Amino acid sequence: MVRLNTVEYLEEEGFAVLAAGSGEVALSYLDTNGQIDLLFTDIRLGGGINGWDVGEAFRSRFPNIAVLYTSGNSLAPSRAVERSRFFVKPYELGEIAEACRELCDNVARDCASDRLTHRK
């Protein structure tokens, strides 16, 4: 229910969203879709893979991807991951959308700066 509400809200905010019900499905998007700008994942996904693993896999394919992590466990161990944010559930959907915009804007600026640096 939380995932569906979040997906619907982000789509209403103008984001194109690919939703996955498991870490395994999320990883399948690595091979079937073009550029992905942001990943939003729960830490506890069930099954054999967790959100940290999904984030690392996406970063290996899309090094500049922004990542939002979430968990209903406020004591969940967090990792220091560059260009990411961590939200404890329950979260405000507006805060998630704002973080998506901010992280994507930062990544776009960093990528543009990298392109300029490599041209010189």
C-alpha atoms as a PDB file:
ATOM      1  CA  MET A   1       0.000   0.000   0.000  1.00  0.00           C
ATOM      2  CA  VAL A   2       2.802   2.421   0.890  1.00  0.00           C
ATOM      3  CA  ARG A   3       4.584   1.682  -2.395  1.00  0.00           C
ATOM      4  CA  LEU A   4       1.427   2.213  -4.449  1.00  0.00           C
ATOM      5  CA  ASN A   5       0.643   5.513  -2.718  1.00  0.00           C
ATOM      6  CA  THR A   6       4.200   6.718  -3.207  1.00  0.00           C
ATOM      7  CA  VAL A   7       4.249   5.704  -6.876  1.00  0.00           C
ATOM      8  CA  GLU A   8       0.938   7.462  -7.519  1.00  0.00           C
ATOM      9  CA  TYR A   9       2.069  10.628  -5.743  1.00  0.00           C
ATOM     10  CA  LEU A  10       5.396  10.797  -7.572  1.00  0.00           C
ATOM     11  CA  GLU A  11       3.662  10.286 -10.923  1.00  0.00           C
ATOM     12  CA  GLU A  12       1.279  13.130 -10.071  1.00  0.00           C
ATOM     13  CA  GLU A  13       4.359  15.244  -9.315  1.00  0.00           C
ATOM     14  CA  GLY A  14       5.641  14.594 -12.844  1.00  0.00           C
ATOM     15  CA  PHE A  15       8.084  11.750 -12.275  1.00  0.00           C
ATOM     16  CA  ALA A  16       8.201   8.703 -14.547  1.00  0.00           C
ATOM     17  CA  VAL A  17       8.162   5.740 -12.161  1.00  0.00           C
ATOM     18  CA  LEU A  18       9.125   2.093 -12.525  1.00  0.00           C
ATOM     19  CA  ALA A  19       7.735   0.168  -9.546  1.00  0.00           C
ATOM     20  CA  ALA A  20       9.118  -3.130  -8.309  1.00  0.00           C
ATOM     21  CA  GLY A  21       7.585  -5.408  -5.704  1.00  0.00           C
ATOM     22  CA  SER A  22      10.905  -7.024  -4.802  1.00  0.00           C
ATOM     23  CA  GLY A  23      14.634  -6.505  -5.008  1.00  0.00           C
ATOM     24  CA  GLU A  24      14.860  -9.142  -7.705  1.00  0.00           C
ATOM     25  CA  VAL A  25      12.348  -7.283  -9.893  1.00  0.00           C
ATOM     26  CA  ALA A  26      14.192  -4.003  -9.296  1.00  0.00           C
ATOM     27  CA  LEU A  27      17.454  -5.612 -10.414  1.00  0.00           C
ATOM     28  CA  SER A  28      15.776  -6.847 -13.594  1.00  0.00           C
ATOM     29  CA  TYR A  29      15.328  -3.186 -14.571  1.00  0.00           C
ATOM     30  CA  LEU A  30      19.095  -2.856 -14.842  1.00  0.00           C
ATOM     31  CA  ASP A  31      19.025  -4.799 -18.099  1.00  0.00           C
ATOM     32  CA  THR A  32      15.676  -3.803 -19.588  1.00  0.00           C
ATOM     33  CA  ASN A  33      15.479  -0.031 -19.290  1.00  0.00           C
ATOM     34  CA  GLY A  34      17.472   2.996 -20.384  1.00  0.00           C
ATOM     35  CA  GLN A  35      18.814   5.664 -18.069  1.00  0.00           C
ATOM     36  CA  ILE A  36      17.449   5.669 -14.527  1.00  0.00           C
ATOM     37  CA  ASP A  37      18.060   8.891 -12.603  1.00  0.00           C
ATOM     38  CA  LEU A  38      16.919   7.981  -9.107  1.00  0.00           C
ATOM     39  CA  LEU A  39      16.307   4.857  -7.063  1.00  0.00           C
ATOM     40  CA  PHE A  40      13.929   4.826  -4.089  1.00  0.00           C
ATOM     41  CA  THR A  41      14.166   1.598  -2.136  1.00  0.00           C
ATOM     42  CA  ASP A  42      13.147   0.164   1.185  1.00  0.00           C
ATOM     43  CA  ILE A  43      15.994  -1.396   3.144  1.00  0.00           C
ATOM     44  CA  ARG A  44      13.930  -4.471   4.013  1.00  0.00           C
ATOM     45  CA  LEU A  45      12.655  -5.948   0.787  1.00  0.00           C
ATOM     46  CA  GLY A  46      12.151  -9.538   1.845  1.00  0.00           C
ATOM     47  CA  GLY A  47      13.768 -12.417   0.081  1.00  0.00           C
ATOM     48  CA  GLY A  48      17.495 -12.682  -0.343  1.00  0.00           C
ATOM     49  CA  ILE A  49      18.290  -9.109  -1.318  1.00  0.00           C
ATOM     50  CA  ASN A  50      17.997  -5.886   0.647  1.00  0.00           C
ATOM     51  CA  GLY A  51      17.783  -2.242  -0.380  1.00  0.00           C
ATOM     52  CA  TRP A  52      21.475  -1.628   0.274  1.00  0.00           C
ATOM     53  CA  ASP A  53      22.298  -4.400  -2.228  1.00  0.00           C
ATOM     54  CA  VAL A  54      19.881  -2.958  -4.784  1.00  0.00           C
ATOM     55  CA  GLY A  55      21.433   0.489  -4.360  1.00  0.00           C
ATOM     56  CA  GLU A  56      24.943  -0.882  -4.871  1.00  0.00           C
ATOM     57  CA  ALA A  57      23.888  -2.791  -7.990  1.00  0.00           C
ATOM     58  CA  PHE A  58      22.269   0.317  -9.480  1.00  0.00           C
ATOM     59  CA  ARG A  59      25.338   2.393  -8.650  1.00  0.00           C
ATOM     60  CA  SER A  60      27.547  -0.101 -10.472  1.00  0.00           C
ATOM     61  CA  ARG A  61      25.468   0.396 -13.648  1.00  0.00           C
ATOM     62  CA  PHE A  62      24.561   4.075 -13.156  1.00  0.00           C
ATOM     63  CA  PRO A  63      27.450   5.588 -11.131  1.00  0.00           C
ATOM     64  CA  ASN A  64      25.779   8.996 -10.747  1.00  0.00           C
ATOM     65  CA  ILE A  65      22.339   7.733  -9.743  1.00  0.00           C
ATOM     66  CA  ALA A  66      20.679   9.440  -6.785  1.00  0.00           C
ATOM     67  CA  VAL A  67      19.320   7.046  -4.162  1.00  0.00           C
ATOM     68  CA  LEU A  68      16.618   7.400  -1.523  1.00  0.00           C
ATOM     69  CA  TYR A  69      16.525   4.702   1.134  1.00  0.00           C
ATOM     70  CA  THR A  70      13.677   4.126   3.569  1.00  0.00           C
ATOM     71  CA  SER A  71      12.853   1.825   6.443  1.00  0.00           C
ATOM     72  CA  GLY A  72      10.103   1.443   8.999  1.00  0.00           C
ATOM     73  CA  ASN A  73      12.789   0.616  11.532  1.00  0.00           C
ATOM     74  CA  SER A  74      14.251   3.833  12.899  1.00  0.00           C
ATOM     75  CA  LEU A  75      17.140   1.778  14.288  1.00  0.00           C
ATOM     76  CA  ALA A  76      17.983   0.268  10.905  1.00  0.00           C
ATOM     77  CA  PRO A  77      21.703   0.501  10.316  1.00  0.00           C
ATOM     78  CA  SER A  78      22.457   3.126   7.731  1.00  0.00           C
ATOM     79  CA  ARG A  79      25.379   3.340   5.380  1.00  0.00           C
ATOM     80  CA  ALA A  80      27.093   6.504   4.314  1.00  0.00           C
ATOM     81  CA  VAL A  81      26.229   6.549   0.623  1.00  0.00           C
ATOM     82  CA  GLU A  82      27.104   9.580  -1.473  1.00  0.00           C
ATOM     83  CA  ARG A  83      24.186  11.299  -3.281  1.00  0.00           C
ATOM     84  CA  SER A  84      21.613   9.571  -1.111  1.00  0.00           C
ATOM     85  CA  ARG A  85      19.102  10.259   1.634  1.00  0.00           C
ATOM     86  CA  PHE A  86      17.525   8.042   4.258  1.00  0.00           C
ATOM     87  CA  PHE A  87      13.894   8.413   5.390  1.00  0.00           C
ATOM     88  CA  VAL A  88      12.268   6.677   8.337  1.00  0.00           C
ATOM     89  CA  LYS A  89       8.671   5.552   7.757  1.00  0.00           C
ATOM     90  CA  PRO A  90       6.181   6.998   8.011  1.00  0.00           C
ATOM     91  CA  TYR A  91       7.391   9.786   5.774  1.00  0.00           C
ATOM     92  CA  GLU A  92       5.622  12.729   4.180  1.00  0.00           C
ATOM     93  CA  LEU A  93       5.159  12.246   0.438  1.00  0.00           C
ATOM     94  CA  GLY A  94       5.976  15.897  -0.176  1.00  0.00           C
ATOM     95  CA  GLU A  95       9.355  15.403   1.507  1.00  0.00           C
ATOM     96  CA  ILE A  96      10.068  12.441  -0.752  1.00  0.00           C
ATOM     97  CA  ALA A  97       9.172  14.394  -3.901  1.00  0.00           C
ATOM     98  CA  GLU A  98      11.329  17.337  -2.774  1.00  0.00           C
ATOM     99  CA  ALA A  99      14.275  15.025  -2.057  1.00  0.00           C
ATOM    100  CA  CYS A 100      13.831  13.423  -5.497  1.00  0.00           C
ATOM    101  CA  ARG A 101      13.948  16.836  -7.169  1.00  0.00           C
ATOM    102  CA  GLU A 102      16.911  18.024  -5.131  1.00  0.00           C
ATOM    103  CA  LEU A 103      18.999  14.883  -5.603  1.00  0.00           C
ATOM    104  CA  CYS A 104      18.256  14.707  -9.330  1.00  0.00           C
ATOM    105  CA  ASP A 105      19.146  18.398  -9.732  1.00  0.00           C
ATOM    106  CA  ASN A 106      22.420  17.848  -7.860  1.00  0.00           C
ATOM    107  CA  VAL A 107      23.288  14.821  -9.982  1.00  0.00           C
ATOM    108  CA  ALA A 108      22.486  16.745 -13.185  1.00  0.00           C
ATOM    109  CA  ARG A 109      24.759  19.605 -12.065  1.00  0.00           C
ATOM    110  CA  ASP A 110      27.554  17.188 -11.147  1.00  0.00           C
ATOM    111  CA  CYS A 111      27.277  15.388 -14.496  1.00  0.00           C
ATOM    112  CA  ALA A 112      27.308  18.686 -16.421  1.00  0.00           C
ATOM    113  CA  SER A 113      30.357  19.787 -14.451  1.00  0.00           C
ATOM    114  CA  ASP A 114      32.096  16.481 -15.174  1.00  0.00           C
ATOM    115  CA  ARG A 115      31.384  16.848 -18.892  1.00  0.00           C
ATOM    116  CA  LEU A 116      32.855  20.368 -18.890  1.00  0.00           C
ATOM    117  CA  THR A 117      35.929  19.192 -16.997  1.00  0.00           C
ATOM    118  CA  HIS A 118      36.524  16.313 -19.414  1.00  0.00           C
ATOM    119  CA  ARG A 119      36.271  18.635 -22.452  1.00  0.00           C
ATOM    120  CA  LYS A 120      39.149  20.849 -21.289  1.00  0.00           C
END
